[in-house]
C-alpha atoms as a PDB file:
ATOM      1  CA  MET A   1     186.447  -8.114  89.613  1.00  0.00           C
ATOM      2  CA  ASN A   2     186.118  -8.165  93.243  1.00  0.00           C
ATOM      3  CA  LEU A   3     184.081 -10.455  95.454  1.00  0.00           C
ATOM      4  CA  ARG A   4     181.188  -7.986  95.742  1.00  0.00           C
ATOM      5  CA  HIS A   5     180.589  -7.958  91.962  1.00  0.00           C
ATOM      6  CA  CYS A   6     180.711 -11.754  91.815  1.00  0.00           C
ATOM      7  CA  ILE A   7     178.103 -12.086  94.569  1.00  0.00           C
ATOM      8  CA  LEU A   8     175.949  -9.412  92.894  1.00  0.00           C
ATOM      9  CA  TYR A   9     176.064 -11.248  89.554  1.00  0.00           C
ATOM     10  CA  LEU A  10     175.326 -14.528  91.290  1.00  0.00           C
ATOM     11  CA  TYR A  11     172.236 -13.046  92.972  1.00  0.00           C
ATOM     12  CA  LEU A  12     171.160 -11.459  89.681  1.00  0.00           C
ATOM     13  CA  ALA A  13     171.506 -14.804  87.866  1.00  0.00           C
ATOM     14  CA  LEU A  14     169.583 -16.524  90.653  1.00  0.00           C
ATOM     15  CA  ILE A  15     166.735 -13.986  90.472  1.00  0.00           C
ATOM     16  CA  VAL A  16     166.577 -14.224  86.670  1.00  0.00           C
ATOM     17  CA  GLY A  17     166.560 -18.043  86.897  1.00  0.00           C
ATOM     18  CA  ILE A  18     163.720 -18.008  89.404  1.00  0.00           C
ATOM     19  CA  GLY A  19     161.809 -15.553  87.213  1.00  0.00           C
ATOM     20  CA  VAL A  20     162.230 -17.716  84.102  1.00  0.00           C
ATOM     21  CA  ALA A  21     161.204 -20.854  86.002  1.00  0.00           C
ATOM     22  CA  GLY A  22     158.157 -19.036  87.396  1.00  0.00           C
ATOM     23  CA  GLY A  23     157.233 -17.789  83.919  1.00  0.00           C
ATOM     24  CA  LEU A  24     157.479 -21.304  82.480  1.00  0.00           C
ATOM     25  CA  PHE A  25     155.370 -22.650  85.343  1.00  0.00           C
ATOM     26  CA  PHE A  26     152.777 -19.928  84.696  1.00  0.00           C
ATOM     27  CA  LEU A  27     152.641 -20.730  80.964  1.00  0.00           C
ATOM     28  CA  ASP A  28     152.148 -24.417  81.713  1.00  0.00           C
ATOM     29  CA  ALA A  29     149.400 -23.651  84.221  1.00  0.00           C
ATOM     30  CA  ARG A  30     147.726 -21.299  81.721  1.00  0.00           C
ATOM     31  CA  ALA A  31     147.747 -23.996  79.011  1.00  0.00           C
ATOM     32  CA  GLU A  32     146.232 -26.498  81.451  1.00  0.00           C
ATOM     33  CA  TYR A  33     143.551 -23.978  82.446  1.00  0.00           C
ATOM     34  CA  THR A  34     142.673 -23.349  78.788  1.00  0.00           C
ATOM     35  CA  ARG A  35     142.442 -27.093  78.126  1.00  0.00           C
ATOM     36  CA  LEU A  36     140.216 -27.679  81.157  1.00  0.00           C
ATOM     37  CA  THR A  37     137.982 -24.737  80.214  1.00  0.00           C
ATOM     38  CA  ALA A  38     137.442 -26.260  76.761  1.00  0.00           C
ATOM     39  CA  ILE A  39     136.632 -29.647  78.321  1.00  0.00           C
ATOM     40  CA  GLN A  40     134.171 -27.988  80.712  1.00  0.00           C
ATOM     41  CA  ALA A  41     132.410 -26.213  77.831  1.00  0.00           C
ATOM     42  CA  GLU A  42     132.115 -29.502  75.922  1.00  0.00           C
ATOM     43  CA  ASN A  43     130.743 -31.276  79.000  1.00  0.00           C
ATOM     44  CA  LYS A  44     128.175 -28.512  79.576  1.00  0.00           C
ATOM     45  CA  ARG A  45     127.043 -28.858  75.957  1.00  0.00           C
ATOM     46  CA  ARG A  46     126.710 -32.636  76.339  1.00  0.00           C
ATOM     47  CA  VAL A  47     124.744 -32.250  79.589  1.00  0.00           C
ATOM     48  CA  ALA A  48     122.374 -29.783  77.916  1.00  0.00           C
ATOM     49  CA  GLU A  49     121.808 -32.239  75.040  1.00  0.00           C
ATOM     50  CA  ALA A  50     121.203 -35.085  77.481  1.00  0.00           C
ATOM     51  CA  GLU A  51     118.742 -32.994  79.491  1.00  0.00           C
ATOM     52  CA  THR A  52     116.849 -32.088  76.314  1.00  0.00           C
ATOM     53  CA  ARG A  53     116.729 -35.750  75.275  1.00  0.00           C
ATOM     54  CA  LEU A  54     115.582 -36.747  78.785  1.00  0.00           C
ATOM     55  CA  LYS A  55     112.815 -34.149  78.753  1.00  0.00           C
ATOM     56  CA  TYR A  56     111.568 -35.463  75.390  1.00  0.00           C
ATOM     57  CA  GLN A  57     111.685 -39.070  76.609  1.00  0.00           C
ATOM     58  CA  GLU A  58     109.772 -38.143  79.767  1.00  0.00           C
ATOM     59  CA  GLN A  59     107.086 -36.506  77.617  1.00  0.00           C
ATOM     60  CA  VAL A  60     106.852 -39.615  75.427  1.00  0.00           C
ATOM     61  CA  LEU A  61     106.647 -41.853  78.493  1.00  0.00           C
ATOM     62  CA  GLU A  62     103.911 -39.733  80.047  1.00  0.00           C
ATOM     63  CA  ARG A  63     101.991 -39.773  76.782  1.00  0.00           C
ATOM     64  CA  MET A  64     102.325 -43.549  76.604  1.00  0.00           C
ATOM     65  CA  ARG A  65     100.948 -43.815  80.130  1.00  0.00           C
ATOM     66  CA  THR A  66      97.925 -41.587  79.466  1.00  0.00           C
ATOM     67  CA  ASP A  67      97.090 -41.902  75.751  1.00  0.00           C
ATOM     68  CA  PRO A  68      96.046 -45.427  74.650  1.00  0.00           C
ATOM     69  CA  ALA A  69      95.793 -44.410  70.986  1.00  0.00           C
ATOM     70  CA  TYR A  70      99.374 -43.153  70.983  1.00  0.00           C
ATOM     71  CA  LEU A  71     100.532 -46.320  72.744  1.00  0.00           C
ATOM     72  CA  GLU A  72      98.830 -48.457  70.118  1.00  0.00           C
ATOM     73  CA  LYS A  73     100.437 -46.407  67.337  1.00  0.00           C
ATOM     74  CA  VAL A  74     103.889 -46.860  68.878  1.00  0.00           C
ATOM     75  CA  ILE A  75     103.411 -50.588  69.374  1.00  0.00           C
ATOM     76  CA  ARG A  76     102.242 -51.041  65.796  1.00  0.00           C
ATOM     77  CA  SER A  77     105.054 -48.980  64.271  1.00  0.00           C
ATOM     78  CA  LYS A  78     107.973 -50.149  66.445  1.00  0.00           C
ATOM     79  CA  LEU A  79     107.043 -53.786  66.988  1.00  0.00           C
ATOM     80  CA  GLY A  80     105.008 -54.444  63.869  1.00  0.00           C
ATOM     81  CA  TYR A  81     101.934 -55.755  65.721  1.00  0.00           C
ATOM     82  CA  THR A  82      98.567 -56.133  64.036  1.00  0.00           C
ATOM     83  CA  ALA A  83      95.117 -56.937  65.266  1.00  0.00           C
ATOM     84  CA  PRO A  84      93.869 -60.530  64.740  1.00  0.00           C
ATOM     85  CA  ASN A  85      91.609 -59.512  61.835  1.00  0.00           C
ATOM     86  CA  GLU A  86      94.239 -57.374  60.040  1.00  0.00           C
ATOM     87  CA  PHE A  87      96.865 -58.108  57.431  1.00  0.00           C
ATOM     88  CA  LYS A  88     100.213 -56.413  57.190  1.00  0.00           C
ATOM     89  CA  PHE A  89     101.863 -56.064  53.796  1.00  0.00           C
ATOM     90  CA  ARG A  90     105.629 -55.651  53.609  1.00  0.00           C
ATOM     91  CA  PHE A  91     107.252 -54.192  50.533  1.00  0.00           C
ATOM     92  CA  SER A  92     110.938 -54.234  49.742  1.00  0.00           C
ATOM     93  CA  GLU A  93     112.592 -50.835  49.499  1.00  0.00           C
ATOM     94  CA  ASN A  94     114.772 -51.153  46.400  1.00  0.00           C
END
């Protein structure tokens, strides 16, 4: 083998090495992109759920501000309040 063939093989090995390293870098970047895309989809789903829950809570709050009968119903059911002339019976749930 002469010097020209050795240099040619050296350049060929160098090019193949750079190509393999670039391919591995691309595969790693692709895996990271796929992972981040999945995280983004999950976060979008969670934001949509939170926005739906917020919209419902805003409707309930507005109804509590404007509807005294609904407010009384909520206070009685959540806090267990009764009027002074009423009795509340509690039964065990066995």
